[in-house]
């Protein structure tokens, strides 16, 4: 049986790489096209009234009020040059397991908002894991620069999550980020302002 020549092997290897490259490019183009299509066809998310419970997938979220404060919900002082943007809310874990994956569920529509801190209203302690089907009243706090001008009405976005029985990387189950599900506008009470 005749062995392929060196040039035939090189040609086959080049052809295989070319086909793999074209396939990869086509997959990337298809993925980009689908993403652009979904972004273009996705409508505006609903704006709900304060006090309305929103199902965001893993959590039921209810936003009640917003204020600016010079102290944290646990009574500690804010560092110099900062102020606390505090949103009072209720959060319920509607899954079957304790979880602390709520950190990106509520976000203010502010540029460069820092990571929030979460406190339990009932004992002013830090919120860690949220137990299943036990709603908690909480305070969500963002420490922002004292000089930052804040709007009279604070717009907040509630982010959604979706459950996948198998993720794409490890084929493991879990909750994963999904599209935003609602916006809420809260009057922002400024400390020292007339009530």
N, C-alpha and C. Protein backbone atom coordinates (compact mmCIF):
# COMPACT_ATOMS: atom_id res chain seq x y z
N UNK A 1 0.85 -1.18 0.00
CA UNK A 1 0.00 0.00 0.00
C UNK A 1 0.90 1.24 0.00
N UNK A 2 0.56 2.19 -0.85
CA UNK A 2 1.39 3.37 -1.02
C UNK A 2 1.13 4.36 0.11
N UNK A 3 2.18 4.87 0.73
CA UNK A 3 2.09 5.87 1.80
C UNK A 3 1.90 7.25 1.17
N UNK A 4 1.07 8.11 1.81
CA UNK A 4 0.90 9.45 1.27
C UNK A 4 2.22 10.22 1.38
N UNK A 5 2.45 11.06 0.41
CA UNK A 5 3.68 11.86 0.44
C UNK A 5 3.57 12.95 1.49
N UNK A 6 4.70 13.55 1.75
CA UNK A 6 4.77 14.62 2.75
C UNK A 6 3.87 15.80 2.35
N UNK A 7 3.83 16.13 1.08
CA UNK A 7 3.00 17.24 0.63
C UNK A 7 1.51 16.91 0.75
N UNK A 8 1.13 15.65 0.53
CA UNK A 8 -0.27 15.25 0.68
C UNK A 8 -0.69 15.34 2.16
N UNK A 9 0.23 14.94 3.07
CA UNK A 9 -0.07 15.04 4.52
C UNK A 9 -0.23 16.50 4.92
N UNK A 10 0.66 17.34 4.41
CA UNK A 10 0.58 18.77 4.74
C UNK A 10 -0.71 19.38 4.21
N UNK A 11 -1.12 18.98 2.99
CA UNK A 11 -2.34 19.49 2.40
C UNK A 11 -3.56 19.06 3.22
N UNK A 12 -3.58 17.79 3.67
CA UNK A 12 -4.69 17.29 4.49
C UNK A 12 -4.75 18.03 5.83
N UNK A 13 -3.59 18.24 6.44
CA UNK A 13 -3.54 18.95 7.71
C UNK A 13 -4.04 20.39 7.54
N UNK A 14 -3.60 21.05 6.45
CA UNK A 14 -4.04 22.41 6.18
C UNK A 14 -5.54 22.46 5.95
N UNK A 15 -6.06 21.51 5.18
CA UNK A 15 -7.49 21.46 4.89
C UNK A 15 -8.30 21.25 6.17
N UNK A 16 -7.83 20.36 7.04
CA UNK A 16 -8.52 20.12 8.32
C UNK A 16 -8.54 21.38 9.17
N UNK A 17 -7.39 22.08 9.25
CA UNK A 17 -7.32 23.32 10.05
C UNK A 17 -8.22 24.40 9.44
N UNK A 18 -8.24 24.48 8.11
CA UNK A 18 -9.07 25.47 7.43
C UNK A 18 -10.55 25.21 7.71
N UNK A 19 -10.96 23.97 7.62
CA UNK A 19 -12.37 23.62 7.89
C UNK A 19 -12.72 23.91 9.35
N UNK A 20 -11.82 23.56 10.27
CA UNK A 20 -12.07 23.84 11.70
C UNK A 20 -12.17 25.35 11.95
N UNK A 21 -11.29 26.11 11.28
CA UNK A 21 -11.32 27.57 11.43
C UNK A 21 -12.60 28.16 10.89
N UNK A 22 -13.03 27.70 9.73
CA UNK A 22 -14.28 28.19 9.14
C UNK A 22 -15.46 27.83 10.04
N UNK A 23 -15.44 26.60 10.57
CA UNK A 23 -16.52 26.18 11.49
C UNK A 23 -16.55 27.03 12.74
N UNK A 24 -15.39 27.31 13.32
CA UNK A 24 -15.33 28.17 14.51
C UNK A 24 -15.81 29.57 14.22
N UNK A 25 -15.39 30.12 13.08
CA UNK A 25 -15.83 31.45 12.69
C UNK A 25 -17.34 31.48 12.48
N UNK A 26 -17.89 30.46 11.84
CA UNK A 26 -19.33 30.40 11.61
C UNK A 26 -20.09 30.32 12.94
N UNK A 27 -19.58 29.53 13.89
CA UNK A 27 -20.23 29.43 15.20
C UNK A 27 -20.20 30.76 15.93
N UNK A 28 -19.05 31.46 15.88
CA UNK A 28 -18.93 32.77 16.53
C UNK A 28 -19.89 33.78 15.89
N UNK A 29 -19.96 33.76 14.55
CA UNK A 29 -20.85 34.69 13.84
C UNK A 29 -22.31 34.41 14.18
N UNK A 30 -22.68 33.13 14.25
CA UNK A 30 -24.04 32.75 14.60
C UNK A 30 -24.38 33.20 16.02
N UNK A 31 -23.45 33.00 16.95
CA UNK A 31 -23.66 33.40 18.34
C UNK A 31 -23.82 34.91 18.44
N UNK A 32 -22.96 35.67 17.76
CA UNK A 32 -23.07 37.12 17.76
C UNK A 32 -24.39 37.57 17.16
N UNK A 33 -24.77 36.96 16.05
CA UNK A 33 -26.04 37.32 15.41
C UNK A 33 -27.23 37.06 16.32
N UNK A 34 -27.22 35.92 17.00
CA UNK A 34 -28.31 35.60 17.92
C UNK A 34 -28.35 36.58 19.07
N UNK A 35 -27.18 36.93 19.63
CA UNK A 35 -27.13 37.91 20.73
C UNK A 35 -27.67 39.26 20.30
N UNK A 36 -27.26 39.71 19.11
CA UNK A 36 -27.76 40.99 18.60
C UNK A 36 -29.26 40.95 18.36
N UNK A 37 -29.75 39.84 17.82
CA UNK A 37 -31.18 39.69 17.60
C UNK A 37 -31.96 39.74 18.91
N UNK A 38 -31.47 39.02 19.92
CA UNK A 38 -32.16 39.02 21.21
C UNK A 38 -32.14 40.39 21.84
N UNK A 39 -31.00 41.10 21.74
CA UNK A 39 -30.92 42.45 22.31
C UNK A 39 -31.87 43.40 21.58
N UNK A 40 -31.97 43.24 20.26
CA UNK A 40 -32.83 44.12 19.48
C UNK A 40 -34.30 43.85 19.72
N UNK A 41 -34.66 42.58 19.90
CA UNK A 41 -36.07 42.23 20.06
C UNK A 41 -36.54 42.25 21.51
N UNK A 42 -35.60 42.33 22.45
CA UNK A 42 -36.00 42.38 23.86
C UNK A 42 -36.67 43.72 24.13
N UNK A 43 -37.88 43.69 24.66
CA UNK A 43 -38.59 44.92 24.96
C UNK A 43 -38.08 45.54 26.24
N UNK A 44 -38.61 46.70 26.52
CA UNK A 44 -38.27 47.36 27.78
C UNK A 44 -38.79 46.52 28.93
N UNK A 45 -38.04 46.53 30.02
CA UNK A 45 -38.52 45.78 31.17
C UNK A 45 -39.59 46.60 31.89
N UNK A 46 -40.47 45.90 32.57
CA UNK A 46 -41.60 46.55 33.24
C UNK A 46 -41.13 47.40 34.42
N UNK A 47 -41.79 48.52 34.62
CA UNK A 47 -41.58 49.33 35.82
C UNK A 47 -42.73 49.02 36.75
N UNK A 48 -42.41 48.58 37.97
CA UNK A 48 -43.43 48.22 38.95
C UNK A 48 -43.44 49.23 40.08
N UNK A 49 -44.55 49.31 40.78
CA UNK A 49 -44.71 50.25 41.89
C UNK A 49 -43.95 49.77 43.11
N UNK A 50 -43.49 50.70 43.95
CA UNK A 50 -42.88 50.30 45.22
C UNK A 50 -43.84 49.41 46.00
N UNK A 51 -43.31 48.41 46.68
CA UNK A 51 -44.13 47.50 47.46
C UNK A 51 -44.68 46.32 46.68
N UNK A 52 -44.34 46.24 45.37
CA UNK A 52 -44.80 45.13 44.54
C UNK A 52 -43.77 44.00 44.59
N UNK A 53 -44.24 42.79 44.84
CA UNK A 53 -43.35 41.63 44.86
C UNK A 53 -43.01 41.22 43.43
N UNK A 54 -41.71 41.02 43.17
CA UNK A 54 -41.23 40.67 41.83
C UNK A 54 -40.54 39.31 41.91
N UNK A 55 -40.97 38.38 41.07
CA UNK A 55 -40.33 37.06 40.97
C UNK A 55 -39.16 37.20 40.01
N UNK A 56 -37.94 37.05 40.56
CA UNK A 56 -36.75 37.20 39.72
C UNK A 56 -36.08 35.87 39.41
N UNK A 57 -36.79 34.78 39.66
CA UNK A 57 -36.24 33.44 39.41
C UNK A 57 -35.93 32.75 40.72
N UNK A 58 -34.80 33.07 41.32
CA UNK A 58 -34.39 32.48 42.59
C UNK A 58 -34.96 33.23 43.79
N UNK A 59 -35.37 34.47 43.56
CA UNK A 59 -35.80 35.33 44.67
C UNK A 59 -37.13 36.01 44.36
N UNK A 60 -37.91 36.26 45.43
CA UNK A 60 -39.00 37.22 45.37
C UNK A 60 -38.45 38.49 45.99
N UNK A 61 -38.55 39.60 45.28
CA UNK A 61 -37.95 40.86 45.71
C UNK A 61 -39.04 41.92 45.80
N UNK A 62 -39.08 42.64 46.92
CA UNK A 62 -40.00 43.76 47.09
C UNK A 62 -39.20 44.95 47.59
N UNK A 63 -39.26 46.07 46.88
CA UNK A 63 -38.55 47.29 47.27
C UNK A 63 -39.54 48.28 47.84
N UNK A 64 -39.20 48.84 49.02
CA UNK A 64 -40.13 49.73 49.72
C UNK A 64 -39.74 51.19 49.71
N UNK A 65 -38.51 51.50 50.12
CA UNK A 65 -38.12 52.90 50.28
C UNK A 65 -36.62 53.06 50.12
N UNK A 66 -36.20 54.33 49.91
CA UNK A 66 -34.78 54.65 49.74
C UNK A 66 -34.46 55.93 50.49
N UNK A 67 -33.28 55.96 51.07
CA UNK A 67 -32.85 57.15 51.80
C UNK A 67 -31.33 57.27 51.76
N UNK A 68 -30.84 58.45 52.08
CA UNK A 68 -29.41 58.68 52.24
C UNK A 68 -29.17 58.80 53.74
N UNK A 69 -28.12 58.13 54.24
CA UNK A 69 -27.86 58.11 55.68
C UNK A 69 -26.37 58.34 55.94
N UNK A 70 -26.08 58.83 57.16
CA UNK A 70 -24.69 59.01 57.57
C UNK A 70 -24.20 57.84 58.43
N UNK A 71 -25.07 56.84 58.60
CA UNK A 71 -24.64 55.65 59.34
C UNK A 71 -25.21 54.39 58.69
N UNK A 72 -24.54 53.28 58.98
CA UNK A 72 -24.96 51.99 58.44
C UNK A 72 -26.14 51.46 59.26
N UNK A 73 -26.90 50.51 58.72
CA UNK A 73 -28.04 49.96 59.45
C UNK A 73 -27.66 49.31 60.79
N UNK A 74 -26.41 48.88 60.95
CA UNK A 74 -25.99 48.29 62.23
C UNK A 74 -25.53 49.35 63.23
N UNK A 75 -25.64 50.64 62.85
CA UNK A 75 -25.28 51.72 63.76
C UNK A 75 -23.86 52.23 63.59
N UNK A 76 -23.04 51.56 62.81
CA UNK A 76 -21.67 52.03 62.62
C UNK A 76 -21.64 53.25 61.71
N UNK A 77 -20.61 54.08 61.92
CA UNK A 77 -20.47 55.32 61.15
C UNK A 77 -19.94 55.03 59.75
N UNK A 78 -20.30 55.87 58.83
CA UNK A 78 -19.78 55.79 57.47
C UNK A 78 -18.40 56.45 57.46
N UNK A 79 -17.45 55.91 56.72
CA UNK A 79 -16.13 56.55 56.62
C UNK A 79 -16.24 57.98 56.09
N UNK A 80 -15.31 58.84 56.47
CA UNK A 80 -15.29 60.21 55.98
C UNK A 80 -15.24 60.20 54.46
N UNK A 81 -15.95 61.14 53.87
CA UNK A 81 -15.98 61.24 52.41
C UNK A 81 -16.99 60.32 51.75
N UNK A 82 -17.80 59.61 52.57
CA UNK A 82 -18.80 58.69 52.01
C UNK A 82 -20.17 59.00 52.62
N UNK A 83 -21.19 58.50 51.94
CA UNK A 83 -22.55 58.50 52.48
C UNK A 83 -23.18 57.18 52.09
N UNK A 84 -24.20 56.77 52.84
CA UNK A 84 -24.85 55.48 52.59
C UNK A 84 -26.15 55.70 51.84
N UNK A 85 -26.29 54.99 50.73
CA UNK A 85 -27.54 54.93 49.99
C UNK A 85 -28.22 53.65 50.46
N UNK A 86 -29.34 53.79 51.18
CA UNK A 86 -30.00 52.65 51.84
C UNK A 86 -31.36 52.40 51.19
N UNK A 87 -31.57 51.15 50.77
CA UNK A 87 -32.86 50.75 50.21
C UNK A 87 -33.44 49.68 51.12
N UNK A 88 -34.66 49.92 51.62
CA UNK A 88 -35.34 48.92 52.43
C UNK A 88 -36.17 48.03 51.52
N UNK A 89 -36.05 46.73 51.76
CA UNK A 89 -36.65 45.75 50.85
C UNK A 89 -37.03 44.49 51.62
N UNK A 90 -37.70 43.59 50.93
CA UNK A 90 -37.94 42.23 51.43
C UNK A 90 -37.37 41.28 50.38
N UNK A 91 -36.75 40.22 50.87
CA UNK A 91 -36.13 39.24 49.98
C UNK A 91 -36.52 37.86 50.47
N UNK A 92 -36.99 37.02 49.54
CA UNK A 92 -37.38 35.65 49.88
C UNK A 92 -36.69 34.69 48.93
N UNK A 93 -36.02 33.71 49.50
CA UNK A 93 -35.38 32.64 48.74
C UNK A 93 -36.47 31.62 48.40
N UNK A 94 -36.80 31.48 47.12
CA UNK A 94 -37.89 30.57 46.74
C UNK A 94 -37.37 29.23 46.22
N UNK A 95 -36.12 28.92 46.56
CA UNK A 95 -35.54 27.63 46.19
C UNK A 95 -35.62 26.69 47.40
N UNK A 96 -35.00 25.53 47.27
CA UNK A 96 -35.01 24.55 48.35
C UNK A 96 -33.74 24.55 49.19
N UNK A 97 -32.77 25.41 48.86
CA UNK A 97 -31.49 25.42 49.57
C UNK A 97 -31.15 26.83 50.03
N UNK A 98 -30.44 26.92 51.17
CA UNK A 98 -29.94 28.21 51.63
C UNK A 98 -28.99 28.77 50.58
N UNK A 99 -28.98 30.10 50.44
CA UNK A 99 -28.14 30.70 49.41
C UNK A 99 -27.75 32.12 49.79
N UNK A 100 -26.58 32.55 49.29
CA UNK A 100 -26.16 33.94 49.44
C UNK A 100 -25.86 34.55 48.08
N UNK A 101 -26.52 34.06 47.04
CA UNK A 101 -26.29 34.54 45.68
C UNK A 101 -27.18 35.72 45.31
N UNK A 102 -27.61 36.49 46.31
CA UNK A 102 -28.52 37.61 46.08
C UNK A 102 -27.78 38.92 45.81
N UNK A 103 -26.48 38.96 45.87
CA UNK A 103 -25.71 40.21 45.85
C UNK A 103 -25.90 41.06 44.60
N UNK A 104 -26.22 40.44 43.48
CA UNK A 104 -26.39 41.22 42.24
C UNK A 104 -27.86 41.29 41.81
N UNK A 105 -28.76 40.98 42.72
CA UNK A 105 -30.18 40.97 42.39
C UNK A 105 -30.76 42.39 42.30
N UNK A 106 -30.29 43.30 43.16
CA UNK A 106 -30.81 44.67 43.19
C UNK A 106 -29.65 45.61 42.89
N UNK A 107 -29.84 46.49 41.92
CA UNK A 107 -28.77 47.45 41.64
C UNK A 107 -29.37 48.81 41.30
N UNK A 108 -28.75 49.87 41.82
CA UNK A 108 -29.22 51.21 41.48
C UNK A 108 -28.73 51.58 40.09
N UNK A 109 -29.51 52.38 39.38
CA UNK A 109 -29.09 52.83 38.05
C UNK A 109 -28.21 54.07 38.22
N UNK A 110 -27.04 53.85 38.81
CA UNK A 110 -26.04 54.89 39.03
C UNK A 110 -24.73 54.44 38.41
N UNK A 111 -23.98 55.39 37.89
CA UNK A 111 -22.66 55.05 37.34
C UNK A 111 -21.73 54.66 38.47
N UNK A 112 -20.93 53.65 38.25
CA UNK A 112 -19.90 53.21 39.21
C UNK A 112 -20.45 52.89 40.60
N UNK A 113 -21.62 52.28 40.67
CA UNK A 113 -22.17 51.88 41.98
C UNK A 113 -21.29 50.77 42.56
N UNK A 114 -20.87 50.90 43.82
CA UNK A 114 -20.04 49.85 44.42
C UNK A 114 -20.86 48.60 44.75
N UNK A 115 -20.18 47.56 45.20
CA UNK A 115 -20.89 46.34 45.64
C UNK A 115 -21.73 46.70 46.87
N UNK A 116 -22.95 46.20 46.95
CA UNK A 116 -23.79 46.52 48.11
C UNK A 116 -23.48 45.65 49.31
N UNK A 117 -23.91 46.13 50.47
CA UNK A 117 -23.88 45.36 51.70
C UNK A 117 -25.32 45.11 52.11
N UNK A 118 -25.58 43.96 52.74
CA UNK A 118 -26.95 43.57 53.10
C UNK A 118 -27.06 43.37 54.60
N UNK A 119 -28.14 43.94 55.19
CA UNK A 119 -28.37 43.85 56.63
C UNK A 119 -29.80 43.37 56.88
N UNK A 120 -29.96 42.58 57.93
CA UNK A 120 -31.29 42.17 58.38
C UNK A 120 -31.91 43.31 59.17
N UNK A 121 -33.15 43.63 58.90
CA UNK A 121 -33.83 44.70 59.62
C UNK A 121 -34.18 44.27 61.05
N UNK A 122 -34.45 42.98 61.24
CA UNK A 122 -34.93 42.52 62.55
C UNK A 122 -33.88 42.61 63.64
N UNK A 123 -32.58 42.46 63.31
CA UNK A 123 -31.56 42.54 64.35
C UNK A 123 -30.37 43.41 63.95
N UNK A 124 -30.48 44.07 62.80
CA UNK A 124 -29.45 44.98 62.29
C UNK A 124 -28.11 44.27 62.03
N UNK A 125 -28.15 42.95 61.92
CA UNK A 125 -26.93 42.19 61.63
C UNK A 125 -26.73 42.00 60.14
N UNK A 126 -25.54 41.57 59.78
CA UNK A 126 -25.22 41.30 58.37
C UNK A 126 -26.00 40.09 57.89
N UNK A 127 -26.55 40.19 56.69
CA UNK A 127 -27.26 39.06 56.07
C UNK A 127 -26.23 38.17 55.38
N UNK A 128 -26.24 36.90 55.73
CA UNK A 128 -25.34 35.93 55.08
C UNK A 128 -26.19 35.04 54.18
N UNK A 129 -26.42 33.81 54.56
CA UNK A 129 -27.27 32.92 53.76
C UNK A 129 -28.73 33.23 54.04
N UNK A 130 -29.52 33.19 52.99
CA UNK A 130 -30.96 33.37 53.13
C UNK A 130 -31.60 31.99 53.06
N UNK A 131 -32.38 31.67 54.08
CA UNK A 131 -32.99 30.34 54.18
C UNK A 131 -34.20 30.23 53.24
N UNK A 132 -34.50 29.03 52.77
CA UNK A 132 -35.63 28.86 51.85
C UNK A 132 -36.97 29.23 52.47
N UNK A 133 -37.77 29.93 51.67
CA UNK A 133 -39.16 30.24 52.01
C UNK A 133 -39.31 30.96 53.35
N UNK A 134 -38.30 31.75 53.73
CA UNK A 134 -38.36 32.57 54.94
C UNK A 134 -38.06 34.01 54.54
N UNK A 135 -39.09 34.77 54.13
CA UNK A 135 -38.83 36.14 53.70
C UNK A 135 -38.22 36.96 54.82
N UNK A 136 -37.29 37.83 54.45
CA UNK A 136 -36.62 38.70 55.42
C UNK A 136 -36.73 40.14 54.95
N UNK A 137 -37.00 41.05 55.90
CA UNK A 137 -36.91 42.47 55.60
C UNK A 137 -35.44 42.84 55.74
N UNK A 138 -34.93 43.52 54.73
CA UNK A 138 -33.51 43.81 54.69
C UNK A 138 -33.26 45.27 54.35
N UNK A 139 -32.02 45.70 54.60
CA UNK A 139 -31.53 46.99 54.12
C UNK A 139 -30.35 46.69 53.20
N UNK A 140 -30.42 47.22 51.99
CA UNK A 140 -29.33 47.08 51.03
C UNK A 140 -28.61 48.43 51.00
N UNK A 141 -27.28 48.41 51.18
CA UNK A 141 -26.53 49.66 51.34
C UNK A 141 -25.40 49.74 50.33
N UNK A 142 -25.33 50.89 49.67
CA UNK A 142 -24.19 51.21 48.81
C UNK A 142 -23.50 52.41 49.41
N UNK A 143 -22.20 52.33 49.69
CA UNK A 143 -21.44 53.48 50.16
C UNK A 143 -20.93 54.23 48.94
N UNK A 144 -21.43 55.45 48.78
CA UNK A 144 -21.06 56.28 47.63
C UNK A 144 -20.32 57.51 48.12
N UNK A 145 -19.57 58.18 47.24
CA UNK A 145 -18.88 59.41 47.66
C UNK A 145 -19.87 60.45 48.19
N UNK A 146 -19.48 61.13 49.27
CA UNK A 146 -20.35 62.15 49.87
C UNK A 146 -20.68 63.26 48.88
N UNK A 147 -19.79 63.50 47.93
CA UNK A 147 -20.01 64.57 46.96
C UNK A 147 -20.90 64.15 45.79
N UNK A 148 -21.23 62.85 45.69
CA UNK A 148 -22.02 62.38 44.56
C UNK A 148 -23.44 62.90 44.64
N UNK A 149 -23.89 63.55 43.55
CA UNK A 149 -25.26 64.04 43.50
C UNK A 149 -26.17 62.87 43.17
N UNK A 150 -27.19 62.71 43.98
CA UNK A 150 -28.15 61.61 43.78
C UNK A 150 -29.48 62.18 43.33
N UNK A 151 -30.24 61.43 42.54
CA UNK A 151 -31.51 61.94 42.01
C UNK A 151 -32.58 62.01 43.10
N UNK A 152 -33.63 62.77 42.85
CA UNK A 152 -34.77 62.83 43.78
C UNK A 152 -35.54 61.51 43.78
N UNK A 153 -35.54 60.83 42.65
CA UNK A 153 -36.18 59.52 42.53
C UNK A 153 -35.11 58.54 42.09
N UNK A 154 -34.89 57.51 42.91
CA UNK A 154 -33.87 56.51 42.64
C UNK A 154 -34.46 55.38 41.81
N UNK A 155 -33.86 55.12 40.67
CA UNK A 155 -34.30 54.01 39.82
C UNK A 155 -33.43 52.80 40.14
N UNK A 156 -34.08 51.67 40.40
CA UNK A 156 -33.37 50.43 40.71
C UNK A 156 -33.81 49.34 39.74
N UNK A 157 -32.89 48.45 39.40
CA UNK A 157 -33.18 47.33 38.51
C UNK A 157 -33.10 46.04 39.30
N UNK A 158 -34.07 45.16 39.07
CA UNK A 158 -34.06 43.82 39.68
C UNK A 158 -33.63 42.85 38.60
N UNK A 159 -32.51 42.17 38.86
CA UNK A 159 -31.94 41.24 37.89
C UNK A 159 -32.54 39.85 38.08
N UNK A 160 -32.73 39.17 36.98
CA UNK A 160 -33.31 37.83 37.01
C UNK A 160 -32.24 36.74 37.00
N UNK A 161 -32.63 35.56 37.44
CA UNK A 161 -31.80 34.37 37.35
C UNK A 161 -32.63 33.25 36.76
N UNK A 162 -31.96 32.27 36.22
CA UNK A 162 -32.66 31.12 35.66
C UNK A 162 -31.96 29.85 36.11
N UNK A 163 -32.73 28.79 36.34
CA UNK A 163 -32.16 27.52 36.78
C UNK A 163 -31.84 26.66 35.57
N UNK A 164 -30.65 26.09 35.59
CA UNK A 164 -30.25 25.13 34.55
C UNK A 164 -29.89 23.83 35.24
N UNK A 165 -30.44 22.73 34.77
CA UNK A 165 -30.10 21.41 35.33
C UNK A 165 -28.65 21.05 35.04
N UNK A 166 -28.13 21.55 33.91
CA UNK A 166 -26.73 21.31 33.55
C UNK A 166 -26.19 22.59 32.92
N UNK A 167 -25.10 23.12 33.50
CA UNK A 167 -24.49 24.29 32.88
C UNK A 167 -23.59 23.85 31.73
N UNK A 168 -23.13 24.81 30.95
CA UNK A 168 -22.35 24.50 29.75
C UNK A 168 -20.91 24.09 30.05
N UNK A 169 -20.39 24.45 31.21
CA UNK A 169 -18.99 24.19 31.49
C UNK A 169 -18.76 22.88 32.23
N UNK A 170 -19.49 22.68 33.34
CA UNK A 170 -19.27 21.50 34.18
C UNK A 170 -20.43 20.50 34.15
N UNK A 171 -21.47 20.80 33.43
CA UNK A 171 -22.69 19.98 33.40
C UNK A 171 -23.26 19.82 34.81
N UNK A 172 -23.15 20.89 35.60
CA UNK A 172 -23.64 20.90 36.98
C UNK A 172 -24.88 21.79 37.06
N UNK A 173 -25.79 21.49 37.99
CA UNK A 173 -26.98 22.33 38.12
C UNK A 173 -26.66 23.63 38.84
N UNK A 174 -27.50 24.64 38.63
CA UNK A 174 -27.31 25.89 39.35
C UNK A 174 -28.18 27.00 38.81
N UNK A 175 -28.12 28.14 39.52
CA UNK A 175 -28.84 29.34 39.12
C UNK A 175 -27.85 30.25 38.41
N UNK A 176 -28.26 30.80 37.28
CA UNK A 176 -27.37 31.59 36.46
C UNK A 176 -28.04 32.90 36.09
N UNK A 177 -27.23 33.96 35.87
CA UNK A 177 -27.81 35.25 35.51
C UNK A 177 -28.67 35.16 34.25
N UNK A 178 -29.75 35.91 34.27
CA UNK A 178 -30.64 36.01 33.11
C UNK A 178 -30.90 37.50 32.87
N UNK A 179 -31.86 37.82 32.08
CA UNK A 179 -32.14 39.23 31.79
C UNK A 179 -32.77 39.91 33.00
N UNK A 180 -32.70 41.24 33.00
CA UNK A 180 -33.35 42.02 34.06
C UNK A 180 -34.86 41.82 33.95
N UNK A 181 -35.54 41.82 35.12
CA UNK A 181 -36.97 41.52 35.10
C UNK A 181 -37.87 42.71 35.45
N UNK A 182 -37.34 43.70 36.17
CA UNK A 182 -38.20 44.83 36.54
C UNK A 182 -37.37 46.03 36.97
N UNK A 183 -38.01 47.20 36.89
CA UNK A 183 -37.44 48.43 37.43
C UNK A 183 -38.41 48.98 38.46
N UNK A 184 -37.85 49.62 39.48
CA UNK A 184 -38.67 50.25 40.52
C UNK A 184 -38.08 51.64 40.74
N UNK A 185 -38.95 52.64 40.83
CA UNK A 185 -38.51 53.99 41.15
C UNK A 185 -38.99 54.33 42.55
N UNK A 186 -38.04 54.74 43.40
CA UNK A 186 -38.36 55.09 44.78
C UNK A 186 -38.00 56.54 45.04
N UNK A 187 -38.89 57.31 45.70
CA UNK A 187 -38.48 58.64 46.14
C UNK A 187 -37.28 58.50 47.08
N UNK A 188 -36.27 59.34 46.89
CA UNK A 188 -35.06 59.25 47.70
C UNK A 188 -35.08 60.33 48.76
N UNK A 189 -35.23 59.90 50.01
CA UNK A 189 -35.24 60.84 51.13
C UNK A 189 -33.81 61.21 51.46
N UNK A 190 -33.51 62.51 51.38
CA UNK A 190 -32.16 63.00 51.67
C UNK A 190 -32.12 63.46 53.13
N UNK A 191 -31.10 63.01 53.85
CA UNK A 191 -30.96 63.39 55.26
C UNK A 191 -30.87 64.91 55.36
N UNK A 192 -31.64 65.46 56.28
CA UNK A 192 -31.62 66.91 56.48
C UNK A 192 -32.65 67.64 55.62
N UNK A 193 -33.28 66.93 54.69
CA UNK A 193 -34.30 67.57 53.84
C UNK A 193 -35.63 67.53 54.58
N UNK A 194 -36.52 68.42 54.21
CA UNK A 194 -37.85 68.43 54.83
C UNK A 194 -38.60 67.17 54.43
N UNK A 195 -39.32 66.58 55.38
CA UNK A 195 -40.07 65.36 55.09
C UNK A 195 -41.46 65.68 54.60
